[in-house]
């Protein structure tokens, strides 16, 4: 998945830093979907669609697992994570800081999480 996203983004004039940030965010979401939403079930899959418009790039992550509301997720305080020596909870924080827009659509057919990153020169 990381290779796929990198290859698609490399086809456009996007800086390596921006590409790496987007790859990190998409990877984090896909990993969370696979581990938590699909309970690492090897019979389930996640579809990733990448599209561009005049303002930037959209990543559509589609699955049929348990949904998660990333938009209304209450981020833990970094200080609390450090005190508890908890390694979890930082990924969603990164996704929300890297991406410019996040949308969720859940139906009985499945879930679609849309991530948008503005690219100034597209």
C-alpha atoms as a PDB file:
ATOM      1  CA  UNK A   1       0.000   0.000   0.000  1.00  0.00           C
ATOM      2  CA  UNK A   2       2.763   2.426   0.883  1.00  0.00           C
ATOM      3  CA  UNK A   3       4.489   1.652  -2.423  1.00  0.00           C
ATOM      4  CA  UNK A   4       1.230   2.123  -4.358  1.00  0.00           C
ATOM      5  CA  UNK A   5       0.529   5.523  -2.778  1.00  0.00           C
ATOM      6  CA  UNK A   6       4.127   6.648  -3.285  1.00  0.00           C
ATOM      7  CA  UNK A   7       4.117   5.614  -6.957  1.00  0.00           C
ATOM      8  CA  UNK A   8       0.818   7.390  -7.671  1.00  0.00           C
ATOM      9  CA  UNK A   9       1.917  10.586  -5.918  1.00  0.00           C
ATOM     10  CA  UNK A  10       5.327  10.518  -7.632  1.00  0.00           C
ATOM     11  CA  UNK A  11       3.526  10.849 -10.978  1.00  0.00           C
ATOM     12  CA  UNK A  12       2.606  14.402  -9.952  1.00  0.00           C
ATOM     13  CA  UNK A  13       4.853  17.283  -8.970  1.00  0.00           C
ATOM     14  CA  UNK A  14       4.579  16.744  -5.220  1.00  0.00           C
ATOM     15  CA  UNK A  15       7.506  17.196  -2.862  1.00  0.00           C
ATOM     16  CA  UNK A  16       9.034  14.160  -1.193  1.00  0.00           C
ATOM     17  CA  UNK A  17       8.121  15.549   2.242  1.00  0.00           C
ATOM     18  CA  UNK A  18       4.456  15.962   1.278  1.00  0.00           C
ATOM     19  CA  UNK A  19       4.409  12.472  -0.246  1.00  0.00           C
ATOM     20  CA  UNK A  20       5.915  10.941   2.897  1.00  0.00           C
ATOM     21  CA  UNK A  21       3.378  12.717   5.111  1.00  0.00           C
ATOM     22  CA  UNK A  22       0.442  11.525   3.003  1.00  0.00           C
ATOM     23  CA  UNK A  23       1.818   7.969   2.870  1.00  0.00           C
ATOM     24  CA  UNK A  24       2.127   8.020   6.670  1.00  0.00           C
ATOM     25  CA  UNK A  25      -1.476   9.196   7.119  1.00  0.00           C
ATOM     26  CA  UNK A  26      -2.981   6.723   4.641  1.00  0.00           C
ATOM     27  CA  UNK A  27      -0.906   3.875   6.064  1.00  0.00           C
ATOM     28  CA  UNK A  28      -2.078   4.685   9.596  1.00  0.00           C
ATOM     29  CA  UNK A  29      -5.744   4.707   8.585  1.00  0.00           C
ATOM     30  CA  UNK A  30      -5.454   1.486   6.566  1.00  0.00           C
ATOM     31  CA  UNK A  31      -3.607  -0.260   9.404  1.00  0.00           C
ATOM     32  CA  UNK A  32      -6.294   0.814  11.885  1.00  0.00           C
ATOM     33  CA  UNK A  33      -9.056  -0.406   9.563  1.00  0.00           C
ATOM     34  CA  UNK A  34      -7.353  -3.780   9.111  1.00  0.00           C
ATOM     35  CA  UNK A  35      -6.466  -4.280  12.779  1.00  0.00           C
ATOM     36  CA  UNK A  36      -9.473  -2.760  14.525  1.00  0.00           C
ATOM     37  CA  UNK A  37     -12.292  -2.573  11.974  1.00  0.00           C
ATOM     38  CA  UNK A  38     -11.671  -5.925  10.298  1.00  0.00           C
ATOM     39  CA  UNK A  39     -10.027  -7.622  13.322  1.00  0.00           C
ATOM     40  CA  UNK A  40      -7.118  -8.656  11.052  1.00  0.00           C
ATOM     41  CA  UNK A  41      -9.427 -11.081   9.235  1.00  0.00           C
ATOM     42  CA  UNK A  42      -7.486 -12.337   6.168  1.00  0.00           C
ATOM     43  CA  UNK A  43     -10.779 -12.906   4.325  1.00  0.00           C
ATOM     44  CA  UNK A  44     -11.592  -9.187   4.422  1.00  0.00           C
ATOM     45  CA  UNK A  45     -10.033  -6.449   2.356  1.00  0.00           C
ATOM     46  CA  UNK A  46      -9.593  -2.698   2.171  1.00  0.00           C
ATOM     47  CA  UNK A  47      -9.870  -0.787  -1.096  1.00  0.00           C
ATOM     48  CA  UNK A  48      -7.863   2.389  -1.610  1.00  0.00           C
ATOM     49  CA  UNK A  49      -8.786   4.786  -4.406  1.00  0.00           C
ATOM     50  CA  UNK A  50      -6.703   7.874  -5.147  1.00  0.00           C
ATOM     51  CA  UNK A  51      -8.043  10.765  -7.199  1.00  0.00           C
ATOM     52  CA  UNK A  52      -6.957  14.306  -7.941  1.00  0.00           C
ATOM     53  CA  UNK A  53      -8.950  17.465  -8.451  1.00  0.00           C
ATOM     54  CA  UNK A  54      -7.903  21.067  -9.091  1.00  0.00           C
ATOM     55  CA  UNK A  55      -7.182  21.618  -5.375  1.00  0.00           C
ATOM     56  CA  UNK A  56      -5.422  18.449  -4.277  1.00  0.00           C
ATOM     57  CA  UNK A  57      -5.603  14.714  -3.759  1.00  0.00           C
ATOM     58  CA  UNK A  58      -8.347  12.491  -2.311  1.00  0.00           C
ATOM     59  CA  UNK A  59      -7.785   9.104  -0.715  1.00  0.00           C
ATOM     60  CA  UNK A  60     -10.918   6.946  -0.427  1.00  0.00           C
ATOM     61  CA  UNK A  61     -10.466   4.026   1.969  1.00  0.00           C
ATOM     62  CA  UNK A  62     -13.339   1.561   1.668  1.00  0.00           C
ATOM     63  CA  UNK A  63     -14.029  -1.432   3.912  1.00  0.00           C
ATOM     64  CA  UNK A  64     -16.835  -3.527   5.363  1.00  0.00           C
ATOM     65  CA  UNK A  65     -15.585  -3.639   8.941  1.00  0.00           C
ATOM     66  CA  UNK A  66     -16.664  -1.981  12.145  1.00  0.00           C
ATOM     67  CA  UNK A  67     -16.832   1.762  11.613  1.00  0.00           C
ATOM     68  CA  UNK A  68     -14.839   4.317  13.589  1.00  0.00           C
ATOM     69  CA  UNK A  69     -15.641   8.023  13.864  1.00  0.00           C
ATOM     70  CA  UNK A  70     -12.229   9.627  13.365  1.00  0.00           C
ATOM     71  CA  UNK A  71     -13.834  13.073  13.086  1.00  0.00           C
ATOM     72  CA  UNK A  72     -15.303  13.090  16.602  1.00  0.00           C
ATOM     73  CA  UNK A  73     -12.456  11.136  18.208  1.00  0.00           C
ATOM     74  CA  UNK A  74     -11.187  12.848  21.355  1.00  0.00           C
ATOM     75  CA  UNK A  75      -7.429  12.920  21.094  1.00  0.00           C
ATOM     76  CA  UNK A  76      -5.498  12.023  24.231  1.00  0.00           C
ATOM     77  CA  UNK A  77      -3.086  14.584  25.581  1.00  0.00           C
ATOM     78  CA  UNK A  78       0.512  13.838  24.654  1.00  0.00           C
ATOM     79  CA  UNK A  79       1.537  14.331  28.276  1.00  0.00           C
ATOM     80  CA  UNK A  80      -0.901  11.592  29.371  1.00  0.00           C
ATOM     81  CA  UNK A  81       0.428   9.172  26.746  1.00  0.00           C
ATOM     82  CA  UNK A  82       3.989   9.809  27.881  1.00  0.00           C
ATOM     83  CA  UNK A  83       3.132   9.380  31.574  1.00  0.00           C
ATOM     84  CA  UNK A  84       1.307   6.110  30.876  1.00  0.00           C
ATOM     85  CA  UNK A  85       4.022   5.024  28.421  1.00  0.00           C
ATOM     86  CA  UNK A  86       1.198   4.295  25.986  1.00  0.00           C
ATOM     87  CA  UNK A  87       2.324   3.826  22.388  1.00  0.00           C
ATOM     88  CA  UNK A  88      -1.217   4.018  20.974  1.00  0.00           C
ATOM     89  CA  UNK A  89      -3.316   7.075  20.220  1.00  0.00           C
ATOM     90  CA  UNK A  90      -0.785   9.107  18.274  1.00  0.00           C
ATOM     91  CA  UNK A  91      -1.610   7.815  14.774  1.00  0.00           C
ATOM     92  CA  UNK A  92      -5.039   9.381  14.521  1.00  0.00           C
ATOM     93  CA  UNK A  93      -3.604  12.628  15.834  1.00  0.00           C
ATOM     94  CA  UNK A  94      -1.042  12.566  13.009  1.00  0.00           C
ATOM     95  CA  UNK A  95      -3.687  11.816  10.379  1.00  0.00           C
ATOM     96  CA  UNK A  96      -5.797  14.763  11.534  1.00  0.00           C
ATOM     97  CA  UNK A  97      -2.778  17.091  11.476  1.00  0.00           C
ATOM     98  CA  UNK A  98      -1.483  15.935   8.075  1.00  0.00           C
ATOM     99  CA  UNK A  99      -4.744  15.898   6.145  1.00  0.00           C
ATOM    100  CA  UNK A 100      -6.764  19.013   5.375  1.00  0.00           C
ATOM    101  CA  UNK A 101     -10.162  17.330   5.326  1.00  0.00           C
ATOM    102  CA  UNK A 102     -11.648  14.064   6.570  1.00  0.00           C
ATOM    103  CA  UNK A 103     -15.060  12.711   5.628  1.00  0.00           C
ATOM    104  CA  UNK A 104     -16.837   9.543   6.726  1.00  0.00           C
ATOM    105  CA  UNK A 105     -19.697   7.725   5.082  1.00  0.00           C
ATOM    106  CA  UNK A 106     -21.073   4.518   6.604  1.00  0.00           C
ATOM    107  CA  UNK A 107     -23.881   2.514   5.065  1.00  0.00           C
ATOM    108  CA  UNK A 108     -24.995  -1.086   5.357  1.00  0.00           C
ATOM    109  CA  UNK A 109     -22.782  -1.783   2.311  1.00  0.00           C
ATOM    110  CA  UNK A 110     -19.661  -0.576   4.119  1.00  0.00           C
ATOM    111  CA  UNK A 111     -17.575   2.377   5.209  1.00  0.00           C
ATOM    112  CA  UNK A 112     -15.756   5.007   3.202  1.00  0.00           C
ATOM    113  CA  UNK A 113     -13.213   7.254   4.848  1.00  0.00           C
ATOM    114  CA  UNK A 114     -12.137  10.122   2.600  1.00  0.00           C
ATOM    115  CA  UNK A 115      -8.909  11.959   3.279  1.00  0.00           C
ATOM    116  CA  UNK A 116      -8.066  15.144   1.388  1.00  0.00           C
ATOM    117  CA  UNK A 117      -4.717  16.903   1.142  1.00  0.00           C
ATOM    118  CA  UNK A 118      -4.460  20.301  -0.520  1.00  0.00           C
ATOM    119  CA  UNK A 119      -1.665  20.576  -3.077  1.00  0.00           C
ATOM    120  CA  UNK A 120      -0.959  24.136  -4.170  1.00  0.00           C
ATOM    121  CA  UNK A 121       0.478  23.398  -7.608  1.00  0.00           C
ATOM    122  CA  UNK A 122      -1.984  20.883  -9.041  1.00  0.00           C
END
